[in-house]
Amino acid sequence: MTSLKGFLIDLDGVLYVENELIPGAAETVNWLRQAGHPFRFLTNTTMRSRTALQEKLTGLGIEARAEEIFSTCVVAARWLKQRDMQRIHFLLPEEPLKDFTEFEITDRNPDAVVVGDLGKNFNYDVLNRAFRLLKQGAQLVALQKNRFWQTLDGLAMDVGAFVAALEYAAHTEAVVIGKPNRAYFEMALNDMELPAAKVAMVGDDLCTDIKGGRETGLKTILVKTGKFQFDTLSGAEVEPDWIIDSIADLPGLLGSKNRSS
């Protein structure tokens, strides 16, 4: 642990579950800042803009600067702009569209169909409209492809199932922007100006956080909060470098050379 300088931290399931703060999360973020450890919040959340995410963290008592938040919406906007894609059909709620103000929102001959989390607004008509646009030549862009996420009421289906349906129907493959995409991790690393070997990913998802982090060359720390109880380490494709009960245990882990379990 002594070689670690920076951290990439997932939000939902690590710092909070929906609107409930995980005990010790705010104190850990404050400790990292005071100790001089650079960090970035790396989230696949697509139902809030970067501004809304900052306001949520602040409201929960976590100091967060806008430039520290790497949401998939912000990264996707950069990706689309780099490829000169201007006409976009979005499957997103209205609020996160604030991160895409430079683009023309359309359902006529778009350059891309961008899929995020519409929650209860996903229905046949929405998916069929997107399917037709893909068959007309639009590129399928998935902000993330998670299978499920943890709510206070239990598990909820995530965007991945709807992306998979569009891929199958349109006979195409989505470009996935968020975790576990290596380019997503590397963008945050470049922003911190740190090599992967000196950074750890802290998350609750074995696939997006741990596998994606390891494939990028990061050290990985799995927390036993969020969706952890619904994953199993037995037979998993990848193992984290460390396992801790919650992010509240991160300062203690940094002060110890022993592996946690």
Protein backbone atom coordinates (compact mmCIF):
# COMPACT_ATOMS: atom_id res chain seq x y z
CA MET A 1 0.00 0.00 0.00
CA THR A 2 2.90 2.38 0.59
CA SER A 3 3.42 2.81 -3.17
CA LEU A 4 -0.12 4.11 -3.69
CA LYS A 5 -0.49 7.84 -4.24
CA GLY A 6 -3.97 8.32 -5.73
CA PHE A 7 -7.43 6.78 -5.73
CA LEU A 8 -10.37 6.38 -8.08
CA ILE A 9 -13.55 6.09 -6.04
CA ASP A 10 -16.92 4.77 -7.17
CA LEU A 11 -19.96 6.63 -5.84
CA ASP A 12 -23.14 4.56 -5.51
CA GLY A 13 -22.49 1.60 -3.23
CA VAL A 14 -19.18 2.98 -1.96
CA LEU A 15 -19.97 6.46 -0.63
CA TYR A 16 -23.75 6.12 -0.50
CA VAL A 17 -26.71 3.92 -1.42
CA GLU A 18 -29.34 6.10 -3.11
CA ASN A 19 -29.67 9.00 -0.65
CA GLU A 20 -28.21 7.25 2.38
CA LEU A 21 -24.59 8.03 3.26
CA ILE A 22 -22.38 5.07 4.12
CA PRO A 23 -20.95 5.67 7.62
CA GLY A 24 -17.42 7.03 7.54
CA ALA A 25 -17.49 7.94 3.83
CA ALA A 26 -17.33 11.71 4.32
CA GLU A 27 -14.57 11.39 6.91
CA THR A 28 -12.50 9.19 4.57
CA VAL A 29 -12.78 11.63 1.67
CA ASN A 30 -11.74 14.47 3.99
CA TRP A 31 -8.83 12.38 5.26
CA LEU A 32 -7.60 11.66 1.72
CA ARG A 33 -7.72 15.35 0.89
CA GLN A 34 -5.89 16.40 4.05
CA ALA A 35 -3.29 13.64 3.60
CA GLY A 36 -2.53 14.90 0.10
CA HIS A 37 -3.76 11.82 -1.78
CA PRO A 38 -5.27 12.94 -5.13
CA PHE A 39 -8.51 11.23 -6.04
CA ARG A 40 -11.28 11.28 -8.62
CA PHE A 41 -14.84 10.09 -8.34
CA LEU A 42 -15.41 7.60 -11.16
CA THR A 43 -19.08 6.73 -11.61
CA ASN A 44 -21.29 4.97 -14.12
CA THR A 45 -24.30 6.88 -12.80
CA THR A 46 -26.24 8.39 -15.73
CA MET A 47 -29.34 9.82 -14.06
CA ARG A 48 -27.61 12.99 -12.83
CA SER A 49 -25.44 15.64 -14.43
CA ARG A 50 -22.01 16.43 -13.01
CA THR A 51 -23.49 19.48 -11.27
CA ALA A 52 -26.26 17.39 -9.71
CA LEU A 53 -23.74 14.79 -8.54
CA GLN A 54 -21.65 17.51 -6.92
CA GLU A 55 -24.74 18.89 -5.19
CA LYS A 56 -25.69 15.42 -3.96
CA LEU A 57 -22.25 14.76 -2.51
CA THR A 58 -22.19 18.17 -0.87
CA GLY A 59 -25.64 17.56 0.57
CA LEU A 60 -24.40 14.30 2.08
CA GLY A 61 -21.48 16.13 3.71
CA ILE A 62 -18.80 15.08 1.20
CA GLU A 63 -16.61 17.85 -0.16
CA ALA A 64 -16.43 17.38 -3.93
CA ARG A 65 -15.16 19.68 -6.66
CA ALA A 66 -16.75 19.52 -10.09
CA GLU A 67 -13.44 18.73 -11.78
CA GLU A 68 -12.98 15.72 -9.49
CA ILE A 69 -16.14 14.04 -10.78
CA PHE A 70 -15.69 11.84 -13.86
CA SER A 71 -19.22 10.81 -14.76
CA THR A 72 -19.99 8.85 -17.90
CA CYS A 73 -22.04 11.75 -19.26
CA VAL A 74 -19.06 14.13 -19.06
CA VAL A 75 -16.72 11.59 -20.64
CA ALA A 76 -19.25 10.68 -23.35
CA ALA A 77 -19.63 14.35 -24.30
CA ARG A 78 -15.86 14.52 -24.85
CA TRP A 79 -15.91 11.27 -26.83
CA LEU A 80 -18.71 12.46 -29.13
CA LYS A 81 -17.08 15.85 -29.68
CA GLN A 82 -13.73 14.26 -30.57
CA ARG A 83 -15.50 12.27 -33.30
CA ASP A 84 -17.47 15.25 -34.60
CA MET A 85 -20.81 13.66 -33.78
CA GLN A 86 -23.29 16.51 -33.36
CA ARG A 87 -26.77 15.07 -33.94
CA ILE A 88 -27.63 12.76 -31.06
CA HIS A 89 -30.68 10.78 -29.99
CA PHE A 90 -30.53 10.37 -26.20
CA LEU A 91 -32.16 7.75 -24.01
CA LEU A 92 -31.62 9.79 -20.88
CA PRO A 93 -33.67 11.72 -18.33
CA GLU A 94 -33.79 15.49 -18.81
CA GLU A 95 -31.45 16.42 -15.95
CA PRO A 96 -28.22 14.74 -17.19
CA LEU A 97 -28.76 16.30 -20.63
CA LYS A 98 -27.22 19.41 -19.07
CA ASP A 99 -23.85 17.74 -19.76
CA PHE A 100 -24.66 17.61 -23.49
CA THR A 101 -25.63 21.21 -24.26
CA GLU A 102 -23.22 21.38 -27.23
CA PHE A 103 -25.16 18.76 -29.17
CA GLU A 104 -28.32 18.78 -31.26
CA ILE A 105 -30.92 16.48 -29.75
CA THR A 106 -32.88 14.77 -32.50
CA ASP A 107 -34.79 11.66 -33.52
CA ARG A 108 -34.18 12.24 -37.25
CA ASN A 109 -31.02 10.82 -38.81
CA PRO A 110 -28.81 11.12 -35.69
CA ASP A 111 -25.09 10.36 -35.74
CA ALA A 112 -25.47 8.30 -32.58
CA VAL A 113 -28.00 6.83 -30.17
CA VAL A 114 -26.70 7.40 -26.63
CA VAL A 115 -28.21 5.09 -24.01
CA GLY A 116 -28.23 5.89 -20.32
CA ASP A 117 -30.61 5.03 -17.49
CA LEU A 118 -34.23 5.98 -18.15
CA GLY A 119 -35.40 3.95 -15.17
CA LYS A 120 -39.17 3.43 -15.27
CA ASN A 121 -39.40 5.35 -18.54
CA PHE A 122 -37.87 2.47 -20.50
CA ASN A 123 -40.66 0.93 -22.59
CA TYR A 124 -41.22 -0.75 -25.95
CA ASP A 125 -41.85 2.47 -27.87
CA VAL A 126 -38.63 4.06 -26.57
CA LEU A 127 -36.54 1.01 -27.46
CA ASN A 128 -38.22 0.50 -30.83
CA ARG A 129 -37.58 4.12 -31.84
CA ALA A 130 -33.91 3.71 -30.94
CA PHE A 131 -33.79 0.38 -32.81
CA ARG A 132 -35.08 2.00 -36.00
CA LEU A 133 -32.50 4.80 -35.80
CA LEU A 134 -29.73 2.23 -35.38
CA LYS A 135 -30.96 0.35 -38.45
CA GLN A 136 -30.78 3.64 -40.36
CA GLY A 137 -27.08 3.92 -39.56
CA ALA A 138 -26.73 5.63 -36.17
CA GLN A 139 -23.95 4.39 -33.90
CA LEU A 140 -24.95 2.80 -30.61
CA VAL A 141 -23.18 4.40 -27.64
CA ALA A 142 -23.79 3.01 -24.14
CA LEU A 143 -22.88 5.25 -21.24
CA GLN A 144 -22.48 2.05 -19.24
CA LYS A 145 -23.54 -1.58 -19.42
CA ASN A 146 -24.07 -2.62 -15.81
CA ARG A 147 -26.39 -5.54 -15.18
CA PHE A 148 -27.95 -4.26 -11.94
CA TRP A 149 -27.47 -1.86 -9.07
CA GLN A 150 -28.36 -1.73 -5.39
CA THR A 151 -31.26 0.36 -4.11
CA LEU A 152 -32.60 0.68 -0.57
CA ASP A 153 -35.46 -1.61 -1.65
CA GLY A 154 -33.23 -4.25 -3.23
CA LEU A 155 -31.72 -4.97 -6.63
CA ALA A 156 -32.80 -3.03 -9.72
CA MET A 157 -32.10 -3.77 -13.38
CA ASP A 158 -29.54 -1.42 -14.89
CA VAL A 159 -28.87 -0.13 -18.40
CA GLY A 160 -27.00 -3.23 -19.59
CA ALA A 161 -30.12 -5.28 -20.28
CA PHE A 162 -31.59 -2.58 -22.53
CA VAL A 163 -28.29 -2.04 -24.34
CA ALA A 164 -28.08 -5.79 -24.95
CA ALA A 165 -31.62 -5.78 -26.40
CA LEU A 166 -30.70 -3.02 -28.86
CA GLU A 167 -27.45 -4.76 -29.81
CA TYR A 168 -29.29 -7.98 -30.53
CA ALA A 169 -32.18 -6.43 -32.44
CA ALA A 170 -30.05 -4.06 -34.54
CA HIS A 171 -27.25 -6.60 -35.01
CA THR A 172 -24.65 -4.14 -33.78
CA GLU A 173 -22.22 -3.69 -30.90
CA ALA A 174 -22.32 -0.73 -28.57
CA VAL A 175 -19.36 1.47 -27.79
CA VAL A 176 -19.28 1.43 -23.97
CA ILE A 177 -18.03 4.69 -22.47
CA GLY A 178 -18.02 3.98 -18.73
CA LYS A 179 -16.36 1.38 -16.54
CA PRO A 180 -14.88 -1.14 -17.30
CA ASN A 181 -13.66 0.71 -20.42
CA ARG A 182 -9.91 1.16 -20.06
CA ALA A 183 -10.00 4.58 -21.75
CA TYR A 184 -12.35 5.83 -19.04
CA PHE A 185 -9.90 4.91 -16.28
CA GLU A 186 -6.98 6.34 -18.24
CA MET A 187 -8.71 9.68 -18.68
CA ALA A 188 -8.95 10.03 -14.90
CA LEU A 189 -5.34 8.87 -14.45
CA ASN A 190 -4.13 11.47 -16.94
CA ASP A 191 -6.08 14.13 -15.11
CA MET A 192 -4.31 13.21 -11.86
CA GLU A 193 -0.97 12.91 -13.72
CA LEU A 194 -0.27 9.57 -12.05
CA PRO A 195 0.69 6.17 -13.51
CA ALA A 196 -1.73 3.29 -13.03
CA ALA A 197 0.72 1.45 -10.74
CA LYS A 198 0.43 4.20 -8.14
CA VAL A 199 -3.38 4.36 -8.12
CA ALA A 200 -6.08 2.11 -6.65
CA MET A 201 -9.70 1.72 -7.72
CA VAL A 202 -12.16 1.54 -4.82
CA GLY A 203 -15.47 -0.06 -5.76
CA ASP A 204 -18.25 -2.50 -4.96
CA ASP A 205 -18.58 -4.15 -8.38
CA LEU A 206 -16.30 -7.06 -9.33
CA CYS A 207 -16.73 -6.49 -13.05
CA THR A 208 -16.83 -2.75 -13.66
CA ASP A 209 -14.62 -1.63 -10.77
CA ILE A 210 -12.28 -4.51 -9.98
CA LYS A 211 -11.86 -6.24 -13.33
CA GLY A 212 -11.80 -2.95 -15.21
CA GLY A 213 -9.29 -1.51 -12.78
CA ARG A 214 -6.96 -4.50 -12.93
CA GLU A 215 -7.05 -4.56 -16.73
CA THR A 216 -5.92 -0.94 -16.66
CA GLY A 217 -3.01 -1.79 -14.35
CA LEU A 218 -4.53 -0.36 -11.17
CA LYS A 219 -4.48 -1.87 -7.72
CA THR A 220 -8.02 -2.67 -6.61
CA ILE A 221 -9.93 -2.43 -3.33
CA LEU A 222 -13.34 -4.08 -3.00
CA VAL A 223 -15.73 -2.78 -0.36
CA LYS A 224 -18.39 -4.95 1.29
CA THR A 225 -21.10 -2.34 0.81
CA GLY A 226 -23.49 -1.59 -2.04
CA LYS A 227 -23.97 -4.59 -4.30
CA PHE A 228 -21.14 -6.62 -2.72
CA GLN A 229 -23.43 -9.08 -0.95
CA PHE A 230 -24.92 -10.05 -4.29
CA ASP A 231 -21.57 -10.86 -5.84
CA THR A 232 -19.47 -13.88 -5.04
CA LEU A 233 -15.70 -14.19 -4.98
CA SER A 234 -15.99 -17.94 -5.45
CA GLY A 235 -15.23 -18.71 -9.07
CA ALA A 236 -14.89 -15.02 -9.96
CA GLU A 237 -12.80 -14.12 -12.99
CA VAL A 238 -10.77 -11.64 -10.98
CA GLU A 239 -9.86 -11.01 -7.34
CA PRO A 240 -9.27 -7.63 -5.74
CA ASP A 241 -5.92 -6.83 -4.17
CA TRP A 242 -7.65 -5.92 -0.91
CA ILE A 243 -11.12 -6.34 0.58
CA ILE A 244 -12.40 -3.99 3.28
CA ASP A 245 -15.73 -3.73 5.07
CA SER A 246 -16.36 -0.20 3.83
CA ILE A 247 -14.55 2.88 2.61
CA ALA A 248 -14.31 3.95 6.24
CA ASP A 249 -11.54 1.35 6.57
CA LEU A 250 -9.40 2.84 3.80
CA PRO A 251 -7.25 5.07 6.04
CA GLY A 252 -6.44 2.08 8.24
CA LEU A 253 -5.56 0.00 5.20
CA LEU A 254 -3.18 2.68 3.98
CA GLY A 255 -1.39 2.53 7.31
CA SER A 256 -0.93 -1.23 7.21
CA LYS A 257 1.09 -3.53 4.98
CA ASN A 258 -1.20 -6.44 5.73
CA ARG A 259 -3.83 -7.72 3.33
CA SER A 260 -7.38 -7.19 4.64
CA SER A 261 -10.08 -9.82 4.37
